[in-house]
Amino acid sequence: MFAAALVVLMTALSVEVNRILDTRQQMQHTLRQAALMAVTQLDGTPGGLRRATLLAGAAAPNLLGVRLDFAPDVNGPWLSSPGNATNLRYVRAAGQQPANLPLLRVMVGRNAETVWTSAVAEQLERRSFSSGLFPYAVIAHRADGPSYGLVAGNQYALRWPSEVKPESVCAGDRDPALLAQLASQARRRLSFLEVTDPVAIRRAILEDQQTTVRLLGDQATFTSGNRALEFDYLAQRINQDTDAASGTHAQYTRLGRGNGRRLVVVPLRSNDKDQMMVAVAAFFLLPAAAYSADPSRAFCAEYVGSFMEGSRTRAAAPNGYFVAAASF
């Protein structure tokens, strides 16, 4: 009789343990989605932390006490209320939920057990590109990262003008030493990163398609492109945005009307004979009226910094292309 009772007890405990495990598995799925949504909002600012917290709470409405912790590395330190948001690119979402255990109530008088679990997501840097890059490269102003001498909010050349003069180049490129160097080296001013086939140019500008895979650290080959086609497709790309009018990225972000079509990912290339792809960064296309088919004028774009896929804001790091990924 004792053996039979023991079998019943063990069977009941097995059933209840499975209920707890099922509850934890469902919670982890919910928290993973919450963490993935939250991590897209981390942009190195306190506002990004607030947006992340709001999104995570909305993604896990059925869980109790949902809490976010942030860290610069998967090993921590994990902070619930960080004083500095810079480079925080990991999110840990934790929560709890009662699991109903009717068999446990019959045996020991308890009806529920609180289940706690968590999930971690990160901003994972992408270093290989089969698609997604805009077909230009911006010349790095310094050899060292992370920003390679570029300043957020300044405008830099996607396409250089036919003649290098201070009044004809983008405002961020008006460094006398840089201009003196490039004025005498026309080939180094080439910046179109795709073949000149009209179909390839259209796909590159309108669809972010590439004819070859590109890796950070690769040596790039540039062509003269086709300015007239590029000009037409640039205007189309800009006018596909639901905010085609904002003059700066700050205004575009503040108004919140855009769909992201004017935010493009552009390689940064070294200013030497190797012309290596040292990094990628987000740039903001100006209103269409700022561009001209006239070869004496540059195609300029505003330097934003890093790019966060699936977000209207930047990533936490200064430069790079990042995607949201579950860590464990």
C-alpha atoms as a PDB file:
ATOM      1  CA  MET A   1       0.000   0.000   0.000  1.00  0.00           C
ATOM      2  CA  PHE A   2       2.868   2.348   0.798  1.00  0.00           C
ATOM      3  CA  ALA A   3       4.461   1.494  -2.542  1.00  0.00           C
ATOM      4  CA  ALA A   4       1.210   2.311  -4.376  1.00  0.00           C
ATOM      5  CA  ALA A   5       0.929   5.649  -2.569  1.00  0.00           C
ATOM      6  CA  LEU A   6       4.531   6.436  -3.450  1.00  0.00           C
ATOM      7  CA  VAL A   7       3.850   5.715  -7.132  1.00  0.00           C
ATOM      8  CA  VAL A   8       0.832   8.047  -7.061  1.00  0.00           C
ATOM      9  CA  LEU A   9       2.894  10.759  -5.372  1.00  0.00           C
ATOM     10  CA  MET A  10       5.754  10.457  -7.857  1.00  0.00           C
ATOM     11  CA  THR A  11       3.325  10.530 -10.788  1.00  0.00           C
ATOM     12  CA  ALA A  12       1.630  13.645  -9.410  1.00  0.00           C
ATOM     13  CA  LEU A  13       4.958  15.359  -8.841  1.00  0.00           C
ATOM     14  CA  SER A  14       6.017  14.484 -12.398  1.00  0.00           C
ATOM     15  CA  VAL A  15       2.839  16.044 -13.790  1.00  0.00           C
ATOM     16  CA  GLU A  16       3.332  19.203 -11.756  1.00  0.00           C
ATOM     17  CA  VAL A  17       6.996  19.491 -12.688  1.00  0.00           C
ATOM     18  CA  ASN A  18       5.977  19.306 -16.342  1.00  0.00           C
ATOM     19  CA  ARG A  19       3.455  22.098 -15.726  1.00  0.00           C
ATOM     20  CA  ILE A  20       6.226  24.248 -14.271  1.00  0.00           C
ATOM     21  CA  LEU A  21       8.545  23.456 -17.186  1.00  0.00           C
ATOM     22  CA  ASP A  22       5.817  24.260 -19.733  1.00  0.00           C
ATOM     23  CA  THR A  23       5.103  27.545 -17.968  1.00  0.00           C
ATOM     24  CA  ARG A  24       8.787  28.436 -17.927  1.00  0.00           C
ATOM     25  CA  GLN A  25       9.151  27.588 -21.632  1.00  0.00           C
ATOM     26  CA  GLN A  26       6.202  29.825 -22.547  1.00  0.00           C
ATOM     27  CA  MET A  27       7.590  32.596 -20.372  1.00  0.00           C
ATOM     28  CA  GLN A  28      11.024  32.343 -21.961  1.00  0.00           C
ATOM     29  CA  HIS A  29       9.488  32.667 -25.408  1.00  0.00           C
ATOM     30  CA  THR A  30       7.613  35.798 -24.321  1.00  0.00           C
ATOM     31  CA  LEU A  31      10.640  37.291 -22.577  1.00  0.00           C
ATOM     32  CA  ARG A  32      12.878  36.522 -25.546  1.00  0.00           C
ATOM     33  CA  GLN A  33      10.555  38.490 -27.808  1.00  0.00           C
ATOM     34  CA  ALA A  34      10.430  41.301 -25.247  1.00  0.00           C
ATOM     35  CA  ALA A  35      14.230  41.422 -25.030  1.00  0.00           C
ATOM     36  CA  LEU A  36      14.599  41.381 -28.828  1.00  0.00           C
ATOM     37  CA  MET A  37      12.185  44.286 -29.165  1.00  0.00           C
ATOM     38  CA  ALA A  38      13.833  46.206 -26.343  1.00  0.00           C
ATOM     39  CA  VAL A  39      17.388  45.819 -27.635  1.00  0.00           C
ATOM     40  CA  THR A  40      16.520  47.566 -30.918  1.00  0.00           C
ATOM     41  CA  GLN A  41      15.935  50.769 -28.941  1.00  0.00           C
ATOM     42  CA  LEU A  42      19.363  50.996 -27.290  1.00  0.00           C
ATOM     43  CA  ASP A  43      21.105  53.967 -28.888  1.00  0.00           C
ATOM     44  CA  GLY A  44      23.486  55.066 -26.141  1.00  0.00           C
ATOM     45  CA  THR A  45      21.024  57.560 -24.654  1.00  0.00           C
ATOM     46  CA  PRO A  46      18.716  57.552 -21.591  1.00  0.00           C
ATOM     47  CA  GLY A  47      15.800  57.927 -24.008  1.00  0.00           C
ATOM     48  CA  GLY A  48      16.736  54.604 -25.589  1.00  0.00           C
ATOM     49  CA  LEU A  49      16.640  52.896 -22.177  1.00  0.00           C
ATOM     50  CA  ARG A  50      13.165  54.324 -21.537  1.00  0.00           C
ATOM     51  CA  ARG A  51      11.867  53.184 -24.920  1.00  0.00           C
ATOM     52  CA  ALA A  52      13.318  49.721 -24.335  1.00  0.00           C
ATOM     53  CA  THR A  53      11.548  49.423 -20.980  1.00  0.00           C
ATOM     54  CA  LEU A  54       8.208  50.511 -22.434  1.00  0.00           C
ATOM     55  CA  LEU A  55       8.456  48.108 -25.378  1.00  0.00           C
ATOM     56  CA  ALA A  56       9.415  45.159 -23.174  1.00  0.00           C
ATOM     57  CA  GLY A  57       6.478  45.763 -20.833  1.00  0.00           C
ATOM     58  CA  ALA A  58       4.077  45.948 -23.773  1.00  0.00           C
ATOM     59  CA  ALA A  59       5.481  42.701 -25.219  1.00  0.00           C
ATOM     60  CA  ALA A  60       4.964  40.759 -21.962  1.00  0.00           C
ATOM     61  CA  PRO A  61       1.647  42.019 -20.543  1.00  0.00           C
ATOM     62  CA  ASN A  62       0.730  38.682 -18.930  1.00  0.00           C
ATOM     63  CA  LEU A  63       3.875  38.390 -16.829  1.00  0.00           C
ATOM     64  CA  LEU A  64       4.338  39.863 -13.388  1.00  0.00           C
ATOM     65  CA  GLY A  65       7.160  42.186 -12.396  1.00  0.00           C
ATOM     66  CA  VAL A  66       8.867  42.343 -15.781  1.00  0.00           C
ATOM     67  CA  ARG A  67      12.282  43.931 -15.266  1.00  0.00           C
ATOM     68  CA  LEU A  68      15.066  44.938 -17.618  1.00  0.00           C
ATOM     69  CA  ASP A  69      18.772  44.977 -16.887  1.00  0.00           C
ATOM     70  CA  PHE A  70      21.358  46.420 -19.278  1.00  0.00           C
ATOM     71  CA  ALA A  71      25.020  45.646 -19.879  1.00  0.00           C
ATOM     72  CA  PRO A  72      27.881  46.482 -22.257  1.00  0.00           C
ATOM     73  CA  ASP A  73      28.892  42.804 -22.389  1.00  0.00           C
ATOM     74  CA  VAL A  74      27.143  39.458 -21.927  1.00  0.00           C
ATOM     75  CA  ASN A  75      29.193  38.940 -18.754  1.00  0.00           C
ATOM     76  CA  GLY A  76      27.966  42.211 -17.277  1.00  0.00           C
ATOM     77  CA  PRO A  77      27.967  44.183 -15.180  1.00  0.00           C
ATOM     78  CA  TRP A  78      24.167  44.108 -15.378  1.00  0.00           C
ATOM     79  CA  LEU A  79      22.516  47.373 -14.344  1.00  0.00           C
ATOM     80  CA  SER A  80      18.815  48.021 -13.763  1.00  0.00           C
ATOM     81  CA  SER A  81      19.194  51.807 -13.608  1.00  0.00           C
ATOM     82  CA  PRO A  82      22.438  52.688 -15.400  1.00  0.00           C
ATOM     83  CA  GLY A  83      23.724  56.198 -14.925  1.00  0.00           C
ATOM     84  CA  ASN A  84      25.385  56.123 -18.339  1.00  0.00           C
ATOM     85  CA  ALA A  85      23.722  54.553 -21.389  1.00  0.00           C
ATOM     86  CA  THR A  86      26.815  54.655 -23.614  1.00  0.00           C
ATOM     87  CA  ASN A  87      27.604  51.352 -25.357  1.00  0.00           C
ATOM     88  CA  LEU A  88      24.962  49.375 -23.441  1.00  0.00           C
ATOM     89  CA  ARG A  89      23.982  46.847 -26.108  1.00  0.00           C
ATOM     90  CA  TYR A  90      22.729  43.876 -24.066  1.00  0.00           C
ATOM     91  CA  VAL A  91      19.277  43.519 -22.495  1.00  0.00           C
ATOM     92  CA  ARG A  92      18.139  40.933 -19.959  1.00  0.00           C
ATOM     93  CA  ALA A  93      14.374  40.674 -19.516  1.00  0.00           C
ATOM     94  CA  ALA A  94      13.177  38.846 -16.393  1.00  0.00           C
ATOM     95  CA  GLY A  95       9.686  38.139 -15.111  1.00  0.00           C
ATOM     96  CA  GLN A  96       7.583  35.831 -12.991  1.00  0.00           C
ATOM     97  CA  GLN A  97       4.249  34.077 -13.270  1.00  0.00           C
ATOM     98  CA  PRO A  98       2.267  31.699 -11.043  1.00  0.00           C
ATOM     99  CA  ALA A  99       1.875  28.143 -12.345  1.00  0.00           C
ATOM    100  CA  ASN A 100      -1.382  26.443 -11.306  1.00  0.00           C
ATOM    101  CA  LEU A 101      -0.643  23.087  -9.650  1.00  0.00           C
ATOM    102  CA  PRO A 102      -3.979  21.435  -8.720  1.00  0.00           C
ATOM    103  CA  LEU A 103      -2.444  18.069  -7.788  1.00  0.00           C
ATOM    104  CA  LEU A 104      -0.005  19.800  -5.428  1.00  0.00           C
ATOM    105  CA  ARG A 105      -2.961  21.473  -3.720  1.00  0.00           C
ATOM    106  CA  VAL A 106      -4.624  18.123  -3.074  1.00  0.00           C
ATOM    107  CA  MET A 107      -1.465  16.719  -1.508  1.00  0.00           C
ATOM    108  CA  VAL A 108       0.079  19.635   0.369  1.00  0.00           C
ATOM    109  CA  GLY A 109      -2.558  22.367   0.313  1.00  0.00           C
ATOM    110  CA  ARG A 110      -0.772  24.686  -2.145  1.00  0.00           C
ATOM    111  CA  ASN A 111      -2.370  25.678  -5.432  1.00  0.00           C
ATOM    112  CA  ALA A 112       0.418  27.550  -7.226  1.00  0.00           C
ATOM    113  CA  GLU A 113       4.147  27.978  -7.518  1.00  0.00           C
ATOM    114  CA  THR A 114       5.828  31.173  -8.708  1.00  0.00           C
ATOM    115  CA  VAL A 115       7.982  30.540 -11.767  1.00  0.00           C
ATOM    116  CA  TRP A 116      10.810  32.964 -12.563  1.00  0.00           C
ATOM    117  CA  THR A 117      12.924  33.070 -15.717  1.00  0.00           C
ATOM    118  CA  SER A 118      14.791  35.447 -18.001  1.00  0.00           C
ATOM    119  CA  ALA A 119      16.081  35.945 -21.545  1.00  0.00           C
ATOM    120  CA  VAL A 120      18.961  37.948 -23.012  1.00  0.00           C
ATOM    121  CA  ALA A 121      19.240  39.756 -26.337  1.00  0.00           C
ATOM    122  CA  GLU A 122      22.117  41.692 -27.849  1.00  0.00           C
ATOM    123  CA  GLN A 123      22.954  44.068 -30.640  1.00  0.00           C
ATOM    124  CA  LEU A 124      25.067  41.732 -32.785  1.00  0.00           C
ATOM    125  CA  GLU A 125      27.429  43.354 -35.262  1.00  0.00           C
ATOM    126  CA  ARG A 126      27.164  42.262 -38.872  1.00  0.00           C
ATOM    127  CA  ARG A 127      30.510  42.156 -40.699  1.00  0.00           C
ATOM    128  CA  SER A 128      29.587  40.407 -43.956  1.00  0.00           C
ATOM    129  CA  PHE A 129      27.155  41.856 -46.478  1.00  0.00           C
ATOM    130  CA  SER A 130      25.506  40.117 -49.407  1.00  0.00           C
ATOM    131  CA  SER A 131      22.924  42.918 -49.491  1.00  0.00           C
ATOM    132  CA  GLY A 132      22.014  46.010 -47.511  1.00  0.00           C
ATOM    133  CA  LEU A 133      24.848  48.392 -48.396  1.00  0.00           C
ATOM    134  CA  PHE A 134      24.231  51.636 -50.244  1.00  0.00           C
ATOM    135  CA  PRO A 135      26.474  51.695 -53.347  1.00  0.00           C
ATOM    136  CA  TYR A 136      28.892  54.434 -52.245  1.00  0.00           C
ATOM    137  CA  ALA A 137      31.790  54.738 -49.828  1.00  0.00           C
ATOM    138  CA  VAL A 138      32.619  57.741 -47.660  1.00  0.00           C
ATOM    139  CA  ILE A 139      36.293  58.547 -47.216  1.00  0.00           C
ATOM    140  CA  ALA A 140      37.492  58.152 -43.620  1.00  0.00           C
ATOM    141  CA  HIS A 141      39.191  61.300 -42.292  1.00  0.00           C
ATOM    142  CA  ARG A 142      41.386  59.418 -39.830  1.00  0.00           C
ATOM    143  CA  ALA A 143      42.875  55.943 -39.788  1.00  0.00           C
ATOM    144  CA  ASP A 144      41.643  55.098 -36.285  1.00  0.00           C
ATOM    145  CA  GLY A 145      38.099  54.225 -35.176  1.00  0.00           C
ATOM    146  CA  PRO A 146      35.510  54.176 -33.982  1.00  0.00           C
ATOM    147  CA  SER A 147      34.282  57.213 -35.943  1.00  0.00           C
ATOM    148  CA  TYR A 148      37.352  57.621 -38.211  1.00  0.00           C
ATOM    149  CA  GLY A 149      37.279  61.394 -37.849  1.00  0.00           C
ATOM    150  CA  LEU A 150      33.635  61.812 -38.873  1.00  0.00           C
ATOM    151  CA  VAL A 151      31.314  63.930 -36.735  1.00  0.00           C
ATOM    152  CA  ALA A 152      27.627  63.131 -36.293  1.00  0.00           C
ATOM    153  CA  GLY A 153      25.453  65.779 -37.930  1.00  0.00           C
ATOM    154  CA  ASN A 154      28.077  66.769 -40.509  1.00  0.00           C
ATOM    155  CA  GLN A 155      27.623  66.103 -44.214  1.00  0.00           C
ATOM    156  CA  TYR A 156      30.101  63.970 -46.184  1.00  0.00           C
ATOM    157  CA  ALA A 157      30.433  63.040 -49.847  1.00  0.00           C
ATOM    158  CA  LEU A 158      28.764  59.977 -51.293  1.00  0.00           C
ATOM    159  CA  ARG A 159      29.902  61.207 -54.706  1.00  0.00           C
ATOM    160  CA  TRP A 160      32.635  63.800 -55.111  1.00  0.00           C
ATOM    161  CA  PRO A 161      32.310  66.734 -57.516  1.00  0.00           C
ATOM    162  CA  SER A 162      34.316  66.893 -60.724  1.00  0.00           C
ATOM    163  CA  GLU A 163      36.516  69.665 -59.279  1.00  0.00           C
ATOM    164  CA  VAL A 164      37.644  69.752 -55.670  1.00  0.00           C
ATOM    165  CA  LYS A 165      37.018  73.244 -54.318  1.00  0.00           C
ATOM    166  CA  PRO A 166      35.996  74.194 -50.770  1.00  0.00           C
ATOM    167  CA  GLU A 167      32.704  75.635 -51.992  1.00  0.00           C
ATOM    168  CA  SER A 168      31.811  72.561 -54.072  1.00  0.00           C
ATOM    169  CA  VAL A 169      32.454  69.772 -51.539  1.00  0.00           C
ATOM    170  CA  CYS A 170      30.325  68.655 -48.588  1.00  0.00           C
ATOM    171  CA  ALA A 171      30.752  70.677 -45.397  1.00  0.00           C
ATOM    172  CA  GLY A 172      32.290  67.810 -43.409  1.00  0.00           C
ATOM    173  CA  ASP A 173      34.952  67.228 -46.076  1.00  0.00           C
ATOM    174  CA  ARG A 174      36.382  70.763 -46.055  1.00  0.00           C
ATOM    175  CA  ASP A 175      39.679  69.774 -44.513  1.00  0.00           C
ATOM    176  CA  PRO A 176      42.479  71.541 -46.413  1.00  0.00           C
ATOM    177  CA  ALA A 177      44.887  68.604 -46.205  1.00  0.00           C
ATOM    178  CA  LEU A 178      42.261  66.141 -47.450  1.00  0.00           C
ATOM    179  CA  LEU A 179      41.214  68.421 -50.310  1.00  0.00           C
ATOM    180  CA  ALA A 180      44.787  69.049 -51.377  1.00  0.00           C
ATOM    181  CA  GLN A 181      45.400  65.316 -51.542  1.00  0.00           C
ATOM    182  CA  LEU A 182      42.231  64.480 -53.452  1.00  0.00           C
ATOM    183  CA  ALA A 183      42.493  67.419 -55.869  1.00  0.00           C
ATOM    184  CA  SER A 184      45.513  65.804 -57.503  1.00  0.00           C
ATOM    185  CA  GLN A 185      44.228  62.203 -57.374  1.00  0.00           C
ATOM    186  CA  ALA A 186      41.012  61.940 -59.358  1.00  0.00           C
ATOM    187  CA  ARG A 187      40.867  58.142 -59.129  1.00  0.00           C
ATOM    188  CA  ARG A 188      40.885  58.290 -55.339  1.00  0.00           C
ATOM    189  CA  ARG A 189      37.728  60.416 -55.504  1.00  0.00           C
ATOM    190  CA  LEU A 190      35.796  57.614 -57.217  1.00  0.00           C
ATOM    191  CA  SER A 191      33.230  56.343 -54.749  1.00  0.00           C
ATOM    192  CA  PHE A 192      30.575  54.295 -56.582  1.00  0.00           C
ATOM    193  CA  LEU A 193      30.789  50.756 -55.269  1.00  0.00           C
ATOM    194  CA  GLU A 194      28.836  48.859 -57.918  1.00  0.00           C
ATOM    195  CA  VAL A 195      29.019  48.023 -61.600  1.00  0.00           C
ATOM    196  CA  THR A 196      27.670  50.627 -64.012  1.00  0.00           C
ATOM    197  CA  ASP A 197      24.950  48.447 -65.524  1.00  0.00           C
ATOM    198  CA  PRO A 198      21.665  50.444 -65.346  1.00  0.00           C
ATOM    199  CA  VAL A 199      19.747  47.564 -63.752  1.00  0.00           C
ATOM    200  CA  ALA A 200      22.448  47.100 -61.114  1.00  0.00           C
ATOM    201  CA  ILE A 201      22.426  50.823 -60.322  1.00  0.00           C
ATOM    202  CA  ARG A 202      18.651  50.850 -59.882  1.00  0.00           C
ATOM    203  CA  ARG A 203      18.702  47.787 -57.630  1.00  0.00           C
ATOM    204  CA  ALA A 204      21.607  49.133 -55.608  1.00  0.00           C
ATOM    205  CA  ILE A 205      20.000  52.505 -54.862  1.00  0.00           C
ATOM    206  CA  LEU A 206      16.346  51.508 -54.594  1.00  0.00           C
ATOM    207  CA  GLU A 207      16.674  47.996 -53.140  1.00  0.00           C
ATOM    208  CA  ASP A 208      20.104  47.921 -51.403  1.00  0.00           C
ATOM    209  CA  GLN A 209      21.099  45.019 -53.627  1.00  0.00           C
ATOM    210  CA  GLN A 210      24.766  44.118 -54.248  1.00  0.00           C
ATOM    211  CA  THR A 211      26.484  42.292 -57.093  1.00  0.00           C
ATOM    212  CA  THR A 212      29.092  40.842 -54.742  1.00  0.00           C
ATOM    213  CA  VAL A 213      29.519  39.948 -51.075  1.00  0.00           C
ATOM    214  CA  ARG A 214      31.509  42.522 -49.116  1.00  0.00           C
ATOM    215  CA  LEU A 215      33.395  42.019 -45.853  1.00  0.00           C
ATOM    216  CA  LEU A 216      34.838  44.535 -43.430  1.00  0.00           C
ATOM    217  CA  GLY A 217      38.549  44.735 -44.160  1.00  0.00           C
ATOM    218  CA  ASP A 218      38.136  44.002 -47.874  1.00  0.00           C
ATOM    219  CA  GLN A 219      39.847  46.107 -50.482  1.00  0.00           C
ATOM    220  CA  ALA A 220      37.194  47.837 -52.561  1.00  0.00           C
ATOM    221  CA  THR A 221      37.105  48.642 -56.253  1.00  0.00           C
ATOM    222  CA  PHE A 222      35.304  51.804 -57.311  1.00  0.00           C
ATOM    223  CA  THR A 223      33.855  52.957 -60.601  1.00  0.00           C
ATOM    224  CA  SER A 224      32.701  56.268 -61.998  1.00  0.00           C
ATOM    225  CA  GLY A 225      29.094  55.056 -61.916  1.00  0.00           C
ATOM    226  CA  ASN A 226      26.456  56.844 -63.968  1.00  0.00           C
ATOM    227  CA  ARG A 227      25.647  60.188 -62.401  1.00  0.00           C
ATOM    228  CA  ALA A 228      22.417  60.838 -64.305  1.00  0.00           C
ATOM    229  CA  LEU A 229      20.921  57.476 -63.344  1.00  0.00           C
ATOM    230  CA  GLU A 230      22.141  57.788 -59.761  1.00  0.00           C
ATOM    231  CA  PHE A 231      20.562  61.231 -59.488  1.00  0.00           C
ATOM    232  CA  ASP A 232      17.182  59.968 -60.712  1.00  0.00           C
ATOM    233  CA  TYR A 233      17.174  56.940 -58.411  1.00  0.00           C
ATOM    234  CA  LEU A 234      18.342  58.968 -55.407  1.00  0.00           C
ATOM    235  CA  ALA A 235      15.329  61.238 -55.856  1.00  0.00           C
ATOM    236  CA  GLN A 236      13.042  58.209 -56.106  1.00  0.00           C
ATOM    237  CA  ARG A 237      14.533  56.680 -52.970  1.00  0.00           C
ATOM    238  CA  ILE A 238      14.124  59.887 -50.971  1.00  0.00           C
ATOM    239  CA  ASN A 239      10.555  60.418 -52.136  1.00  0.00           C
ATOM    240  CA  GLN A 240       9.628  56.890 -51.068  1.00  0.00           C
ATOM    241  CA  ASP A 241      10.078  58.069 -47.488  1.00  0.00           C
ATOM    242  CA  THR A 242       6.966  59.232 -45.667  1.00  0.00           C
ATOM    243  CA  ASP A 243       9.071  62.186 -44.520  1.00  0.00           C
ATOM    244  CA  ALA A 244      10.892  63.423 -47.606  1.00  0.00           C
ATOM    245  CA  ALA A 245      11.151  67.003 -46.340  1.00  0.00           C
ATOM    246  CA  SER A 246      13.056  67.037 -43.026  1.00  0.00           C
ATOM    247  CA  GLY A 247      16.377  68.806 -43.496  1.00  0.00           C
ATOM    248  CA  THR A 248      18.317  66.996 -40.749  1.00  0.00           C
ATOM    249  CA  HIS A 249      18.256  63.610 -39.089  1.00  0.00           C
ATOM    250  CA  ALA A 250      17.482  65.261 -35.740  1.00  0.00           C
ATOM    251  CA  GLN A 251      14.367  66.861 -37.213  1.00  0.00           C
ATOM    252  CA  TYR A 252      13.425  63.600 -38.951  1.00  0.00           C
ATOM    253  CA  THR A 253      13.713  61.694 -35.659  1.00  0.00           C
ATOM    254  CA  ARG A 254      11.881  64.328 -33.636  1.00  0.00           C
ATOM    255  CA  LEU A 255       8.891  64.430 -36.005  1.00  0.00           C
ATOM    256  CA  GLY A 256       8.713  60.631 -36.216  1.00  0.00           C
ATOM    257  CA  ARG A 257       6.889  60.600 -39.550  1.00  0.00           C
ATOM    258  CA  GLY A 258       9.517  58.818 -41.645  1.00  0.00           C
ATOM    259  CA  ASN A 259       9.579  55.157 -42.664  1.00  0.00           C
ATOM    260  CA  GLY A 260      13.374  54.900 -42.767  1.00  0.00           C
ATOM    261  CA  ARG A 261      13.966  55.016 -46.527  1.00  0.00           C
ATOM    262  CA  ARG A 262      16.293  58.000 -46.178  1.00  0.00           C
ATOM    263  CA  LEU A 263      18.550  56.197 -43.701  1.00  0.00           C
ATOM    264  CA  VAL A 264      21.162  54.203 -45.620  1.00  0.00           C
ATOM    265  CA  VAL A 265      24.174  52.066 -44.660  1.00  0.00           C
ATOM    266  CA  VAL A 266      27.389  53.255 -46.296  1.00  0.00           C
ATOM    267  CA  PRO A 267      30.902  51.774 -46.076  1.00  0.00           C
ATOM    268  CA  LEU A 268      33.733  53.925 -44.760  1.00  0.00           C
ATOM    269  CA  ARG A 269      36.893  53.455 -46.804  1.00  0.00           C
ATOM    270  CA  SER A 270      40.482  54.094 -45.835  1.00  0.00           C
ATOM    271  CA  ASN A 271      42.144  57.128 -47.378  1.00  0.00           C
ATOM    272  CA  ASP A 272      45.141  55.302 -48.796  1.00  0.00           C
ATOM    273  CA  LYS A 273      46.082  53.274 -51.852  1.00  0.00           C
ATOM    274  CA  ASP A 274      44.428  50.136 -50.420  1.00  0.00           C
ATOM    275  CA  GLN A 275      41.006  51.785 -50.073  1.00  0.00           C
ATOM    276  CA  MET A 276      39.903  49.171 -47.549  1.00  0.00           C
ATOM    277  CA  MET A 277      36.379  48.958 -46.191  1.00  0.00           C
ATOM    278  CA  VAL A 278      37.198  49.779 -42.561  1.00  0.00           C
ATOM    279  CA  ALA A 279      33.638  50.127 -41.230  1.00  0.00           C
ATOM    280  CA  VAL A 280      30.041  50.784 -42.167  1.00  0.00           C
ATOM    281  CA  ALA A 281      27.842  53.549 -40.819  1.00  0.00           C
ATOM    282  CA  ALA A 282      24.384  55.049 -41.185  1.00  0.00           C
ATOM    283  CA  PHE A 283      23.942  58.181 -43.274  1.00  0.00           C
ATOM    284  CA  PHE A 284      20.848  60.301 -43.778  1.00  0.00           C
ATOM    285  CA  LEU A 285      19.921  61.324 -47.326  1.00  0.00           C
ATOM    286  CA  LEU A 286      19.120  65.004 -47.749  1.00  0.00           C
ATOM    287  CA  PRO A 287      15.884  66.253 -49.364  1.00  0.00           C
ATOM    288  CA  ALA A 288      15.837  65.503 -53.104  1.00  0.00           C
ATOM    289  CA  ALA A 289      16.262  69.189 -54.012  1.00  0.00           C
ATOM    290  CA  ALA A 290      19.731  69.129 -52.410  1.00  0.00           C
ATOM    291  CA  TYR A 291      21.034  66.821 -55.173  1.00  0.00           C
ATOM    292  CA  SER A 292      21.939  67.797 -58.695  1.00  0.00           C
ATOM    293  CA  ALA A 293      22.873  66.091 -61.943  1.00  0.00           C
ATOM    294  CA  ASP A 294      25.512  68.801 -62.337  1.00  0.00           C
ATOM    295  CA  PRO A 295      28.930  67.064 -62.009  1.00  0.00           C
ATOM    296  CA  SER A 296      30.397  70.120 -60.281  1.00  0.00           C
ATOM    297  CA  ARG A 297      28.246  69.418 -57.213  1.00  0.00           C
ATOM    298  CA  ALA A 298      28.754  66.647 -54.676  1.00  0.00           C
ATOM    299  CA  PHE A 299      26.158  64.145 -53.473  1.00  0.00           C
ATOM    300  CA  CYS A 300      26.205  64.768 -49.705  1.00  0.00           C
ATOM    301  CA  ALA A 301      24.630  62.817 -46.839  1.00  0.00           C
ATOM    302  CA  GLU A 302      24.516  63.458 -43.095  1.00  0.00           C
ATOM    303  CA  TYR A 303      26.604  61.158 -40.899  1.00  0.00           C
ATOM    304  CA  VAL A 304      24.437  59.508 -38.223  1.00  0.00           C
ATOM    305  CA  GLY A 305      26.684  56.775 -36.804  1.00  0.00           C
ATOM    306  CA  SER A 306      25.713  53.160 -36.257  1.00  0.00           C
ATOM    307  CA  PHE A 307      22.744  51.388 -37.854  1.00  0.00           C
ATOM    308  CA  MET A 308      20.238  49.200 -35.975  1.00  0.00           C
ATOM    309  CA  GLU A 309      18.230  46.908 -38.221  1.00  0.00           C
ATOM    310  CA  GLY A 310      14.491  47.142 -37.580  1.00  0.00           C
ATOM    311  CA  SER A 311      14.750  50.420 -35.710  1.00  0.00           C
ATOM    312  CA  ARG A 312      14.315  54.096 -36.515  1.00  0.00           C
ATOM    313  CA  THR A 313      17.163  54.990 -34.211  1.00  0.00           C
ATOM    314  CA  ARG A 314      20.874  54.191 -34.216  1.00  0.00           C
ATOM    315  CA  ALA A 315      22.585  51.374 -32.301  1.00  0.00           C
ATOM    316  CA  ALA A 316      24.544  51.809 -29.060  1.00  0.00           C
ATOM    317  CA  ALA A 317      27.993  51.572 -30.688  1.00  0.00           C
ATOM    318  CA  PRO A 318      29.466  54.571 -32.571  1.00  0.00           C
ATOM    319  CA  ASN A 319      29.627  52.785 -35.951  1.00  0.00           C
ATOM    320  CA  GLY A 320      28.603  49.503 -37.516  1.00  0.00           C
ATOM    321  CA  TYR A 321      25.560  47.554 -38.682  1.00  0.00           C
ATOM    322  CA  PHE A 322      23.766  45.708 -35.866  1.00  0.00           C
ATOM    323  CA  VAL A 323      20.927  43.191 -35.688  1.00  0.00           C
ATOM    324  CA  ALA A 324      18.908  42.048 -32.681  1.00  0.00           C
ATOM    325  CA  ALA A 325      19.866  38.512 -31.623  1.00  0.00           C
ATOM    326  CA  ALA A 326      18.982  36.249 -28.716  1.00  0.00           C
ATOM    327  CA  SER A 327      22.109  35.506 -26.649  1.00  0.00           C
ATOM    328  CA  PHE A 328      20.893  32.545 -24.564  1.00  0.00           C
END
